[in-house]
Every structure is written in structure tokens, then in C-alpha cells.
Amino acid sequence: MDVSGGSGQPRSGNDEPAEHPAGPTAPATGPTDHPGPEPDRHEEPAAPQDRPHADRDPDGDGDSRAGTPRPEPGTTGPTDTHGPDGRAPGTAPHPDPSEHRSLAHSGIAKGEPPQPRPKEPGGGILMGRPFGVPVYVAPSWFLVAALITWVFGGQLERVLPELGAARYLVSLFFAVAFYASVLVHELAHTVAAIRFRLPVRRIQLQFFGGVSEIEKEAETPGREFLLAFVGPLLSLVLAGLFYLALKPVEPGTVPGVLLAGLMASNLIVAIFNLLPGLPLDGGRMLRAVVWKITGKPMTGTVAAAWVGRALAVCVLIGLPLLNQSGALGGGGEETGGMDTVTDALLAAILAAIIWTGAGNSLRMARLREHLPELRARTLTRRAVPVETDTPLSEALRRANAAGARALVVVDADGHPLSLVREAAIVGVPEHRRPWVAVSGLAQDLTDGMRVSAELAGEELLDALRATPATEYLVVEETGEIYGVLSAADVERAFVKAMARPTP
């Protein structure tokens, strides 16, 4: 299944980003809002994982910590507010801006923009790194393993009563072997992704199966189809291998029961995942087919997601009915009230997972559609260079005179040293500004705080996440200063883009 959520939404983390001048001489600290429709906060908000945030520093002590963008519904977006000539004194001229899962869900979790890996993604107990990809066992797996052990142990009591209490050890072995089969399913997705040069963040074994978190989308519908198909294909291959291994084994023995159970479970995993609805592998395959026919990946996502929602309703209603009718192996035996409740609960959990995954697939596809609209060049604020000992009041006067909205501290040769933080300016009372040097309100520049004016979309978000900050120095390819990019501006631009319906 696709368990997207991820990431990718710009967010400054300030409860209320500064959007008012700090005083009569202060440059504006928020973007100019354009009239436009107010985004509906209840309309499929993006839900990526790592939410950037930028903490205010009202006391102006120079200790500012921030995160970088991640999308969340907000208000309107910023505009480029550079002056008429498009550049600040001493700066370069500005050109005109123009997860699949399985029943045992196997799956490819995609959607959020790729995340940097300064540390391990976590998600449970690390079991190993096949092909260099960390495999985690989530705490929820132990609950499911205990449930499988209990249910399968009850079946063994009828088939092999002579085992006694040892049947639960056999059942535990079956649970572990079954999840090993699920891991093979996930590794099939992982190997295919690596073959197509798509980064895989991790594999996680969890409640009802596993998930392979692939960070980028396949470039073509053909690759998307293959990436989804290899998982169910490997499950079918495993079912066939267990069937062949079962042939020479005597029925009614422990090996025979285990092999028969593993054959049946892998067959169910394969068939379930081939159902044509997101977030199942079959939904990814349907998306690829529609994408190929229409030439539009978003159209394929919408079609497969709605089929997935219809599938969720069918599971919710049909699974308990099939169990009661004996079509799933119950033999038509009369079921008690507890069995009926258990069937209904299982159906509700599966339906909820499928419905939620389909919705996440739609949101993440919409996010990817709008990411290219985030361009560093059009979101950058015009900046005025000032030397370290310049009083804040004088620096603000120069900014107002130039129509700029940011301050860059430079050395005597004009090389940028630090950025004057917007939140720090707000924290300095107007009567103190003549006596406060801009260097005391600035954050030293690091390599990660220098971003290219050519960055856009996922590349821009990747650069901001790699070095969390409230402001970034935007430079041309020649190294000349282009301006200052605020994380809050990126957030608002993303929110404005997400508020518009996808064409």
C-alpha cells in the first residue's frame, strides 16, 4: 500500500509569522498578499512527516533555531517584492520572475518530497540492512505475531492434538516465517527501486504487513507498473515454491501443516495486493495503465484512488459476509457472536487502512503537482548589504529607501557574513535601534544557508531541510547576492499553491 505522508510541506513553525513592520523605519517582515481564494482547511491538507519550523527570537539575543519547510494549510502566498530595478545596492540584477503495502500489506510508500538522512529514520527495532536499506520491526508487529500464534495454535489443536502446548511454538515459527515472506515481498519492491535509481528510506514490518518507503516517484508509467508488480509476483513465486516443497511431505505432520499454511498465506497476499485500487500494488498498476493511456499521472492517481475507496467499502461489507457464508474456508459452520464481532473488526481495520491510503495517495499526488511552483528566484526578498557596525536604525532606513525587505551583513569587500534575522528586528524597540549594531541581530552564514537562485520544487525543499534556518542567502551561479529567502515565505507560497484546484 501507499502510506504516503510525508513530507514536503513548508512550515515556519512560528505560531504567527511576523507580517507587520517593526516600526516606521522597519522593512516589511511578511510577504505582500495577493487577493485570491482562502484555502479550505478541511480540503485534503497535505500531511508530510518532517515539519519545518522557525522559532522566533523576540529578545534579539542572536540564538535563533529553525526548521525548514513542510506543508500545512495556512493563508495566502508571497509575491516578489523586489524594487523596480529588481536588485539591491551591491547585488546582482534580478531577471524577471517568470508506499505500496500488503494484506499483509506490502507496499511502496511514496509521496512526500525526499527527506535528507542526517540520522537513521527509526521506526522500531533495526533487524539488518539488506542492499543497504535498513529493515525495522515496528512494535505493532509483536501484537500481530501474538495474534497469529494464538489463532494458528487453535487450528493446530484440531489438526495435531498430540502436540499439546508445543503447538504454540510451531505457531510462533509460522508467524515469523510468514513475515519473512512479507519481507521478501518488500525486498522485491526495494530491488526494483534501486534498479531504477529511486532512493529507499527504509523497510518496516508492522501491523498487517510491511511497507517499503521509496522516496521518489517512478519517471515513467512502465517503471511504475513494474515497481508495483514485482511484489505480488514474488509472493506468487513463494506460494509456488511452498507448494512444490509440500509435495514430498506427508500430510498431517508439522512440516506439512507449516508448508500448507505458508503457501496459502502467500497466495492470499499476492491476490489481495493485485486488487486494482490504491494503495495496493494493483492500484499502482492501474495508475500506471491510466497514466500511459492519458499521459497524465494525476489522472491515473485519481482513478486508482477512487477505485481504492470503493474497494474499502467492499471489504467493510463483504469480508464479514464471506466469512459467515464459509466462502473463505469456514465450511459454512455456524459462527458465534464473538466470531462475528472479530470478522467485523478485522474488516473495519482493513477498510480503514485502504481508505486512508487512497486519500493519502491523492494528497501526495496533488503535492507533487504543485511542488514545481516553489521557486527560490520568485520567492526571494530583495536585500540591502550593510557592514557589521551599522546601527539598526540606519540599516532599516537604507532598506526602506531601496524598497528592500531584508538585510545582509557584509565585510569591507562586500562578501556576505551573516543575515539579520527578521524576528530579532521585531524584538528591538524603536528607541534602541540607533544604539544596536546589525551584527548583534545576525545569524552567521553556513554553507547550507547559501542556496542557488535556480533551485525549485523538491530540490529547494531538500536544500532547506538540510540546514534548518529562518532565512537563507540566495546567490546567483556566479556567487553574487540575489537576496534573502524566508522559510515563512516558502510555507505561505506552498499553502497558496495547494489551495488551488489541480487542473
Protein backbone atom coordinates (compact mmCIF):
# COMPACT_ATOMS: atom_id res chain seq x y z
CA MET A 1 0.00 0.00 0.00
CA ASP A 2 0.96 3.60 -0.36
CA VAL A 3 1.21 5.10 3.09
CA SER A 4 2.35 8.49 1.93
CA GLY A 5 2.56 11.25 4.38
CA GLY A 6 5.03 12.80 4.30
CA SER A 7 6.55 15.20 3.77
CA GLY A 8 7.10 18.13 1.86
CA GLN A 9 5.01 20.89 3.27
CA PRO A 10 6.69 24.17 4.11
CA ARG A 11 6.07 25.35 7.61
CA SER A 12 7.84 28.04 9.54
CA GLY A 13 6.87 26.88 12.98
CA ASN A 14 6.15 30.38 14.16
CA ASP A 15 2.70 30.47 15.65
CA GLU A 16 2.23 33.80 13.92
CA PRO A 17 4.85 34.70 11.34
CA ALA A 18 5.82 38.33 11.62
CA GLU A 19 3.80 40.14 8.99
CA HIS A 20 3.85 43.71 10.24
CA PRO A 21 6.58 46.31 10.16
CA ALA A 22 8.61 46.52 13.32
CA GLY A 23 8.33 50.27 13.27
CA PRO A 24 8.08 53.24 10.93
CA THR A 25 11.55 52.56 9.58
CA ALA A 26 11.48 48.79 9.54
CA PRO A 27 11.24 46.88 6.29
CA ALA A 28 8.12 44.81 5.90
CA THR A 29 8.55 41.43 7.54
CA GLY A 30 5.95 39.44 5.67
CA PRO A 31 5.10 38.90 2.04
CA THR A 32 2.66 41.00 0.13
CA ASP A 33 -0.58 39.03 -0.08
CA HIS A 34 -2.34 38.71 -3.37
CA PRO A 35 -6.11 38.58 -3.45
CA GLY A 36 -7.28 35.06 -4.03
CA PRO A 37 -9.46 32.33 -2.63
CA GLU A 38 -8.91 31.44 1.01
CA PRO A 39 -7.78 27.83 1.21
CA ASP A 40 -10.26 25.39 2.67
CA ARG A 41 -8.64 23.90 5.76
CA HIS A 42 -10.83 20.83 5.50
CA GLU A 43 -9.98 20.05 1.91
CA GLU A 44 -7.37 17.30 1.85
CA PRO A 45 -4.50 19.06 3.62
CA ALA A 46 -1.09 17.72 2.85
CA ALA A 47 0.33 15.65 5.65
CA PRO A 48 4.06 15.18 5.19
CA GLN A 49 6.16 13.99 8.11
CA ASP A 50 9.04 16.33 8.90
CA ARG A 51 7.52 19.66 9.62
CA PRO A 52 9.97 22.55 9.39
CA HIS A 53 9.63 25.28 11.88
CA ALA A 54 11.32 28.55 12.61
CA ASP A 55 11.34 29.73 16.21
CA ARG A 56 11.13 33.42 16.86
CA ASP A 57 13.81 35.16 18.80
CA PRO A 58 12.00 38.21 20.23
CA ASP A 59 14.80 39.09 22.63
CA GLY A 60 17.26 39.50 19.76
CA ASP A 61 19.98 37.55 21.51
CA GLY A 62 21.20 36.06 18.27
CA ASP A 63 20.28 32.50 19.20
CA SER A 64 17.81 31.57 16.53
CA ARG A 65 16.86 27.99 15.76
CA ALA A 66 14.64 26.98 12.97
CA GLY A 67 13.40 24.15 10.90
CA THR A 68 12.60 24.11 7.26
CA PRO A 69 9.53 23.82 5.14
CA ARG A 70 6.78 21.30 5.33
CA PRO A 71 3.27 21.96 4.02
CA GLU A 72 0.27 22.79 6.17
CA PRO A 73 -2.80 24.80 5.27
CA GLY A 74 -2.45 28.49 6.01
CA THR A 75 -3.32 31.74 4.32
CA THR A 76 -2.12 33.42 1.16
CA GLY A 77 1.20 33.31 -0.60
CA PRO A 78 4.01 35.82 -1.02
CA THR A 79 4.97 37.82 -4.06
CA ASP A 80 8.30 39.01 -5.27
CA THR A 81 8.67 42.44 -3.73
CA HIS A 82 11.99 43.47 -5.20
CA GLY A 83 12.30 47.06 -6.25
CA PRO A 84 11.61 48.34 -9.74
CA ASP A 85 15.11 47.60 -10.91
CA GLY A 86 14.94 44.13 -9.39
CA ARG A 87 18.13 44.39 -7.35
CA ALA A 88 19.58 45.71 -4.12
CA PRO A 89 22.62 48.00 -3.97
CA GLY A 90 25.70 45.88 -4.50
CA THR A 91 23.76 42.81 -5.58
CA ALA A 92 23.32 41.06 -8.87
CA PRO A 93 20.46 42.17 -11.13
CA HIS A 94 17.31 40.06 -10.92
CA PRO A 95 15.82 38.74 -14.11
CA ASP A 96 12.07 38.90 -14.50
CA PRO A 97 10.50 36.08 -12.45
CA SER A 98 8.51 34.33 -14.58
CA GLU A 99 4.40 3.35 -0.28
CA HIS A 100 2.52 0.04 -1.61
CA ARG A 101 1.55 -2.26 1.30
CA SER A 102 0.11 -5.76 1.63
CA LEU A 103 -2.77 -7.58 3.46
CA ALA A 104 0.00 -8.47 4.87
CA HIS A 105 0.40 -5.14 3.08
CA SER A 106 3.36 -4.93 1.08
CA GLY A 107 3.90 -1.63 -0.46
CA ILE A 108 5.66 1.37 -1.67
CA ALA A 109 5.22 4.44 0.46
CA LYS A 110 5.74 7.46 -1.69
CA GLY A 111 4.53 10.94 -1.82
CA GLU A 112 6.33 13.21 0.36
CA PRO A 113 9.35 15.01 -1.07
CA PRO A 114 12.58 13.11 -0.35
CA GLN A 115 13.98 13.73 3.08
CA PRO A 116 17.63 14.12 3.96
CA ARG A 117 19.13 11.50 6.21
CA PRO A 118 21.20 13.13 8.91
CA LYS A 119 20.25 10.20 11.12
CA GLU A 120 18.50 6.86 10.90
CA PRO A 121 14.79 7.10 10.14
CA GLY A 122 13.93 4.79 13.04
CA GLY A 123 10.55 3.12 13.33
CA GLY A 124 11.20 0.13 15.57
CA ILE A 125 13.92 -2.47 16.11
CA LEU A 126 16.63 -2.49 13.45
CA MET A 127 16.95 -6.04 12.09
CA GLY A 128 19.50 -5.56 9.32
CA ARG A 129 20.43 -3.74 6.11
CA PRO A 130 19.83 -5.88 3.04
CA PHE A 131 21.01 -4.00 -0.07
CA GLY A 132 21.98 -1.15 2.28
CA VAL A 133 18.34 -0.44 3.25
CA PRO A 134 17.53 -0.58 7.00
CA VAL A 135 14.79 -3.06 7.95
CA TYR A 136 12.79 -2.28 11.09
CA VAL A 137 10.27 -4.28 13.05
CA ALA A 138 7.60 -1.97 14.48
CA PRO A 139 6.21 -2.63 17.99
CA SER A 140 2.81 -3.39 16.44
CA TRP A 141 4.34 -6.47 14.80
CA PHE A 142 4.63 -8.22 18.15
CA LEU A 143 0.90 -7.76 18.72
CA VAL A 144 0.09 -9.31 15.35
CA ALA A 145 2.63 -12.11 15.87
CA ALA A 146 0.95 -12.96 19.17
CA LEU A 147 -2.46 -12.93 17.46
CA ILE A 148 -1.25 -15.21 14.64
CA THR A 149 0.34 -17.54 17.19
CA TRP A 150 -2.92 -17.80 19.14
CA VAL A 151 -5.18 -18.30 16.08
CA PHE A 152 -2.87 -20.75 14.28
CA GLY A 153 -2.30 -22.60 17.55
CA GLY A 154 -6.04 -23.15 17.84
CA GLN A 155 -6.10 -24.65 14.37
CA LEU A 156 -3.16 -26.93 15.17
CA GLU A 157 -5.02 -28.22 18.21
CA ARG A 158 -7.65 -29.69 15.87
CA VAL A 159 -5.21 -30.95 13.25
CA LEU A 160 -2.34 -32.13 15.50
CA PRO A 161 -3.77 -32.60 19.01
CA GLU A 162 -0.75 -34.66 20.06
CA LEU A 163 1.44 -31.51 20.06
CA GLY A 164 -0.13 -30.18 23.24
CA ALA A 165 1.34 -26.85 24.39
CA ALA A 166 4.16 -27.21 21.87
CA ARG A 167 1.67 -26.17 19.19
CA TYR A 168 2.23 -22.53 20.19
CA LEU A 169 5.95 -22.82 19.43
CA VAL A 170 5.03 -24.15 15.99
CA SER A 171 2.54 -21.30 15.59
CA LEU A 172 5.18 -18.73 16.54
CA PHE A 173 7.51 -20.21 13.94
CA PHE A 174 4.73 -19.85 11.37
CA ALA A 175 4.22 -16.17 12.31
CA VAL A 176 7.93 -15.44 11.89
CA ALA A 177 8.10 -17.36 8.60
CA PHE A 178 5.05 -15.56 7.29
CA TYR A 179 6.58 -12.16 7.99
CA ALA A 180 9.81 -13.33 6.41
CA SER A 181 7.72 -13.92 3.28
CA VAL A 182 6.35 -10.38 3.60
CA LEU A 183 9.93 -9.11 3.86
CA VAL A 184 10.77 -10.89 0.59
CA HIS A 185 7.75 -9.13 -0.96
CA GLU A 186 9.09 -5.77 0.24
CA LEU A 187 12.63 -6.54 -0.89
CA ALA A 188 11.28 -7.15 -4.38
CA HIS A 189 9.98 -3.56 -4.42
CA THR A 190 13.27 -2.33 -2.96
CA VAL A 191 15.48 -4.09 -5.51
CA ALA A 192 13.33 -2.76 -8.35
CA ALA A 193 13.53 0.77 -6.91
CA ILE A 194 17.32 0.54 -6.60
CA ARG A 195 17.46 -0.74 -10.18
CA PHE A 196 15.55 2.38 -11.28
CA ARG A 197 17.78 4.57 -9.08
CA LEU A 198 14.99 5.53 -6.70
CA PRO A 199 16.15 6.04 -3.09
CA VAL A 200 14.61 3.72 -0.48
CA ARG A 201 14.44 5.18 3.01
CA ARG A 202 13.61 2.00 4.93
CA ILE A 203 11.53 -1.18 5.09
CA GLN A 204 9.25 -1.58 8.07
CA LEU A 205 7.39 -4.71 9.19
CA GLN A 206 4.31 -3.62 11.06
CA PHE A 207 0.67 -4.30 11.82
CA PHE A 208 -0.90 -6.27 8.94
CA GLY A 209 2.28 -6.50 6.91
CA GLY A 210 5.11 -4.30 5.71
CA VAL A 211 5.94 -1.15 3.83
CA SER A 212 8.85 -0.07 1.64
CA GLU A 213 9.36 3.69 1.82
CA ILE A 214 10.52 4.77 -1.62
CA GLU A 215 11.29 8.47 -1.67
CA LYS A 216 10.79 9.35 -5.32
CA GLU A 217 8.18 8.57 -7.93
CA ALA A 218 8.95 6.42 -10.95
CA GLU A 219 9.69 8.51 -14.02
CA THR A 220 7.56 6.53 -16.48
CA PRO A 221 4.31 4.52 -16.29
CA GLY A 222 6.20 1.41 -17.38
CA ARG A 223 8.58 1.65 -14.44
CA GLU A 224 5.68 2.39 -12.10
CA PHE A 225 3.91 -0.77 -13.30
CA LEU A 226 7.00 -2.96 -12.86
CA LEU A 227 7.80 -1.45 -9.47
CA ALA A 228 4.33 -2.37 -8.24
CA PHE A 229 4.07 -5.76 -9.93
CA VAL A 230 7.28 -7.32 -8.60
CA GLY A 231 5.88 -7.55 -5.05
CA PRO A 232 2.84 -9.72 -5.81
CA LEU A 233 4.94 -11.65 -8.35
CA LEU A 234 7.43 -12.66 -5.63
CA SER A 235 4.56 -13.65 -3.32
CA LEU A 236 3.19 -15.89 -6.09
CA VAL A 237 6.65 -17.39 -6.61
CA LEU A 238 6.92 -18.13 -2.89
CA ALA A 239 3.47 -19.74 -2.89
CA GLY A 240 4.60 -21.94 -5.77
CA LEU A 241 7.84 -22.91 -4.00
CA PHE A 242 5.97 -23.85 -0.83
CA TYR A 243 3.56 -25.91 -2.95
CA LEU A 244 6.44 -27.81 -4.55
CA ALA A 245 8.06 -28.34 -1.15
CA LEU A 246 4.76 -29.69 0.13
CA LYS A 247 4.59 -32.46 -2.48
CA PRO A 248 7.03 -34.95 -0.89
CA VAL A 249 5.90 -34.14 2.67
CA GLU A 250 3.41 -36.37 4.43
CA PRO A 251 0.11 -34.58 5.18
CA GLY A 252 -0.91 -34.22 8.80
CA THR A 253 2.64 -33.61 10.01
CA VAL A 254 4.14 -30.40 11.41
CA PRO A 255 6.18 -29.68 8.22
CA GLY A 256 3.14 -30.38 6.09
CA VAL A 257 0.89 -28.03 8.06
CA LEU A 258 3.50 -25.27 8.08
CA LEU A 259 4.19 -25.51 4.34
CA ALA A 260 0.47 -25.57 3.54
CA GLY A 261 -0.11 -22.52 5.72
CA LEU A 262 2.76 -20.58 4.15
CA MET A 263 1.61 -21.49 0.65
CA ALA A 264 -1.94 -20.30 1.37
CA SER A 265 -0.85 -17.09 3.13
CA ASN A 266 1.49 -16.03 0.31
CA LEU A 267 -1.21 -16.74 -2.24
CA ILE A 268 -3.63 -14.54 -0.29
CA VAL A 269 -1.04 -11.76 -0.02
CA ALA A 270 -0.45 -11.86 -3.79
CA ILE A 271 -4.14 -11.89 -4.72
CA PHE A 272 -5.06 -9.17 -2.24
CA ASN A 273 -2.28 -6.88 -3.44
CA LEU A 274 -3.31 -7.35 -7.06
CA LEU A 275 -6.71 -5.79 -6.38
CA PRO A 276 -6.85 -2.67 -8.60
CA GLY A 277 -7.14 0.12 -6.06
CA LEU A 278 -4.70 2.39 -4.26
CA PRO A 279 -2.82 2.00 -2.03
CA LEU A 280 -2.41 -1.67 -3.00
CA ASP A 281 0.10 -2.79 -5.60
CA GLY A 282 -2.74 -3.43 -8.03
CA GLY A 283 -3.79 0.19 -7.59
CA ARG A 284 -0.30 1.29 -8.58
CA MET A 285 -0.53 -0.90 -11.64
CA LEU A 286 -3.92 0.59 -12.54
CA ARG A 287 -2.49 4.08 -12.05
CA ALA A 288 0.36 3.24 -14.42
CA VAL A 289 -2.07 1.98 -17.08
CA VAL A 290 -4.26 5.11 -16.87
CA TRP A 291 -1.13 7.28 -16.83
CA LYS A 292 0.09 5.56 -20.01
CA ILE A 293 -3.28 6.00 -21.76
CA THR A 294 -3.90 9.62 -20.77
CA GLY A 295 -0.34 10.84 -20.45
CA LYS A 296 -1.26 12.37 -17.08
CA PRO A 297 -0.01 10.75 -13.84
CA MET A 298 -2.51 12.76 -11.79
CA THR A 299 -5.42 11.30 -13.78
CA GLY A 300 -4.10 7.81 -13.06
CA THR A 301 -3.83 8.59 -9.35
CA VAL A 302 -7.38 9.94 -9.14
CA ALA A 303 -8.82 6.90 -10.93
CA ALA A 304 -6.90 4.36 -8.84
CA ALA A 305 -7.62 6.21 -5.58
CA TRP A 306 -11.38 6.19 -6.15
CA VAL A 307 -11.27 2.51 -7.06
CA GLY A 308 -9.36 2.01 -3.80
CA ARG A 309 -12.10 3.78 -1.84
CA ALA A 310 -14.72 1.60 -3.49
CA LEU A 311 -12.61 -1.42 -2.59
CA ALA A 312 -12.51 -0.29 1.04
CA VAL A 313 -16.32 -0.23 1.15
CA CYS A 314 -16.45 -3.69 -0.41
CA VAL A 315 -14.03 -5.05 2.21
CA LEU A 316 -16.02 -3.47 5.04
CA ILE A 317 -19.28 -5.06 3.90
CA GLY A 318 -18.16 -8.15 2.01
CA LEU A 319 -15.48 -9.69 4.23
CA PRO A 320 -17.80 -10.49 7.19
CA LEU A 321 -20.43 -11.87 4.78
CA LEU A 322 -17.89 -14.12 3.06
CA ASN A 323 -16.63 -15.42 6.40
CA GLN A 324 -20.16 -16.20 7.58
CA SER A 325 -21.00 -17.95 4.33
CA GLY A 326 -17.93 -20.19 4.61
CA ALA A 327 -16.50 -18.97 1.30
CA LEU A 328 -13.18 -18.22 2.99
CA GLY A 329 -12.74 -21.67 4.48
CA GLY A 330 -15.17 -21.65 7.36
CA GLY A 331 -17.02 -24.60 5.88
CA GLY A 332 -20.37 -22.94 6.48
CA GLU A 333 -20.17 -23.77 10.19
CA GLU A 334 -22.34 -21.72 12.48
CA THR A 335 -20.38 -18.85 13.94
CA GLY A 336 -20.82 -17.36 17.37
CA GLY A 337 -21.29 -13.77 18.36
CA MET A 338 -17.59 -13.29 19.18
CA ASP A 339 -16.55 -14.60 15.74
CA THR A 340 -18.95 -12.17 14.08
CA VAL A 341 -17.52 -9.25 16.05
CA THR A 342 -13.96 -10.33 15.22
CA ASP A 343 -14.77 -10.55 11.50
CA ALA A 344 -16.38 -7.11 11.55
CA LEU A 345 -13.43 -5.59 13.43
CA LEU A 346 -10.90 -7.10 11.01
CA ALA A 347 -12.93 -5.83 8.04
CA ALA A 348 -13.17 -2.35 9.57
CA ILE A 349 -9.40 -2.17 10.14
CA LEU A 350 -8.60 -3.30 6.60
CA ALA A 351 -11.17 -0.93 5.11
CA ALA A 352 -9.82 1.99 7.13
CA ILE A 353 -6.25 1.26 6.01
CA ILE A 354 -7.27 1.07 2.35
CA TRP A 355 -9.49 4.19 2.50
CA THR A 356 -6.83 6.23 4.30
CA GLY A 357 -4.10 5.06 1.95
CA ALA A 358 -6.19 6.03 -1.10
CA GLY A 359 -6.76 9.50 0.34
CA ASN A 360 -3.07 9.92 1.14
CA SER A 361 -2.20 8.94 -2.43
CA LEU A 362 -4.44 11.71 -3.74
CA ARG A 363 -2.96 14.29 -1.38
CA MET A 364 0.60 13.35 -2.18
CA ALA A 365 -0.04 13.38 -5.93
CA ARG A 366 -1.51 16.83 -5.54
CA LEU A 367 1.54 17.90 -3.56
CA ARG A 368 3.88 16.69 -6.31
CA GLU A 369 1.83 18.56 -8.90
CA HIS A 370 2.36 21.86 -7.09
CA LEU A 371 5.96 21.48 -5.92
CA PRO A 372 7.45 22.93 -9.14
CA GLU A 373 5.66 26.22 -8.31
CA LEU A 374 8.07 26.78 -5.42
CA ARG A 375 10.97 28.67 -6.99
CA ALA A 376 13.73 30.33 -4.99
CA ARG A 377 14.08 33.11 -7.54
CA THR A 378 10.46 34.26 -7.30
CA LEU A 379 10.18 33.88 -3.51
CA THR A 380 13.37 35.74 -2.61
CA ARG A 381 13.18 39.10 -0.85
CA ARG A 382 15.28 41.97 -2.08
CA ALA A 383 18.17 42.62 0.34
CA VAL A 384 20.40 45.55 1.28
CA PRO A 385 24.05 44.85 2.20
CA VAL A 386 25.26 46.58 5.40
CA GLU A 387 28.55 46.43 7.30
CA THR A 388 28.80 44.85 10.76
CA ASP A 389 28.92 48.09 12.79
CA THR A 390 25.95 49.72 11.01
CA PRO A 391 23.26 50.82 13.52
CA LEU A 392 19.97 49.03 13.06
CA SER A 393 18.09 52.30 12.53
CA GLU A 394 20.46 53.28 9.70
CA ALA A 395 20.21 49.83 8.13
CA LEU A 396 16.42 50.00 8.19
CA ARG A 397 16.49 53.49 6.68
CA ARG A 398 18.60 52.21 3.79
CA ALA A 399 16.29 49.24 3.30
CA ASN A 400 13.20 51.45 3.17
CA ALA A 401 14.89 53.83 0.76
CA ALA A 402 15.81 50.95 -1.54
CA GLY A 403 12.45 49.20 -1.22
CA ALA A 404 14.18 46.13 0.25
CA ARG A 405 12.85 43.76 2.89
CA ALA A 406 15.99 42.03 4.17
CA LEU A 407 19.47 42.89 5.46
CA VAL A 408 22.72 41.07 4.65
CA VAL A 409 25.79 41.82 6.78
CA VAL A 410 28.92 42.04 4.60
CA ASP A 411 32.61 42.67 5.19
CA ALA A 412 34.62 45.57 3.82
CA ASP A 413 34.98 43.77 0.48
CA GLY A 414 31.25 43.15 0.16
CA HIS A 415 31.38 39.42 0.95
CA PRO A 416 28.31 38.24 2.91
CA LEU A 417 28.95 37.24 6.53
CA SER A 418 25.53 36.84 8.15
CA LEU A 419 21.82 37.55 7.83
CA VAL A 420 19.92 39.93 10.10
CA ARG A 421 17.05 37.91 11.49
CA GLU A 422 13.57 39.24 10.95
CA ALA A 423 12.36 38.09 14.38
CA ALA A 424 15.30 39.83 16.07
CA ILE A 425 14.43 43.16 14.42
CA VAL A 426 10.89 42.95 15.76
CA GLY A 427 12.26 42.40 19.28
CA VAL A 428 14.26 45.65 19.34
CA PRO A 429 12.25 48.71 20.48
CA GLU A 430 12.44 51.64 18.09
CA HIS A 431 14.19 53.93 20.59
CA ARG A 432 17.07 51.43 20.96
CA ARG A 433 17.68 50.90 17.26
CA PRO A 434 20.24 53.71 16.83
CA TRP A 435 22.39 52.04 19.53
CA VAL A 436 22.14 48.41 18.33
CA ALA A 437 24.55 47.19 15.63
CA VAL A 438 23.15 44.86 12.99
CA SER A 439 25.86 42.30 13.76
CA GLY A 440 24.24 41.64 17.14
CA LEU A 441 20.99 40.60 15.46
CA ALA A 442 22.52 38.46 12.71
CA GLN A 443 22.94 34.73 12.24
CA ASP A 444 26.27 33.65 10.81
CA LEU A 445 26.08 32.12 7.37
CA THR A 446 26.95 28.47 6.95
CA ASP A 447 27.43 26.70 3.65
CA GLY A 448 23.94 25.21 3.90
CA MET A 449 22.39 28.66 4.32
CA ARG A 450 23.56 29.68 0.85
CA VAL A 451 21.10 28.43 -1.77
CA SER A 452 21.09 28.86 -5.51
CA ALA A 453 18.52 31.14 -7.10
CA GLU A 454 17.89 28.36 -9.63
CA LEU A 455 16.53 25.87 -7.07
CA ALA A 456 12.85 24.91 -7.30
CA GLY A 457 10.43 22.24 -6.11
CA GLU A 458 11.87 19.20 -4.35
CA GLU A 459 15.45 20.39 -4.79
CA LEU A 460 14.62 23.64 -2.98
CA LEU A 461 12.91 21.83 -0.09
CA ASP A 462 15.79 19.38 0.17
CA ALA A 463 18.26 22.26 0.47
CA LEU A 464 16.22 23.99 3.17
CA ARG A 465 15.72 20.80 5.19
CA ALA A 466 19.42 20.02 5.11
CA THR A 467 20.17 23.23 7.06
CA PRO A 468 17.24 24.42 9.21
CA ALA A 469 17.06 28.22 9.47
CA THR A 470 14.57 31.07 9.30
CA GLU A 471 16.35 32.88 6.46
CA TYR A 472 18.70 31.84 3.68
CA LEU A 473 21.06 33.79 1.45
CA VAL A 474 20.12 33.30 -2.20
CA VAL A 475 23.01 33.62 -4.63
CA GLU A 476 23.49 33.52 -8.37
CA GLU A 477 25.66 30.86 -10.01
CA THR A 478 28.45 33.48 -10.09
CA GLY A 479 28.26 33.82 -6.29
CA GLU A 480 26.69 37.30 -6.38
CA ILE A 481 24.00 38.07 -3.81
CA TYR A 482 20.48 37.76 -5.18
CA GLY A 483 18.52 38.31 -1.96
CA VAL A 484 17.18 36.58 1.15
CA LEU A 485 14.70 33.70 1.25
CA SER A 486 12.45 33.35 4.30
CA ALA A 487 11.21 29.89 5.33
CA ALA A 488 7.88 31.52 6.22
CA ASP A 489 7.54 32.81 2.65
CA VAL A 490 8.09 29.29 1.29
CA GLU A 491 5.38 28.00 3.60
CA ARG A 492 2.85 30.58 2.51
CA ALA A 493 3.66 30.05 -1.16
CA PHE A 494 3.11 26.33 -0.77
CA VAL A 495 -0.19 26.82 1.01
CA LYS A 496 -1.40 29.17 -1.71
CA ALA A 497 -0.43 26.67 -4.41
CA MET A 498 -2.12 23.78 -2.59
CA ALA A 499 -5.33 25.86 -2.24
CA ARG A 500 -5.75 25.99 -5.99
CA PRO A 501 -7.54 23.03 -7.60
CA THR A 502 -5.39 20.74 -9.67
CA PRO A 503 -6.09 21.23 -13.39
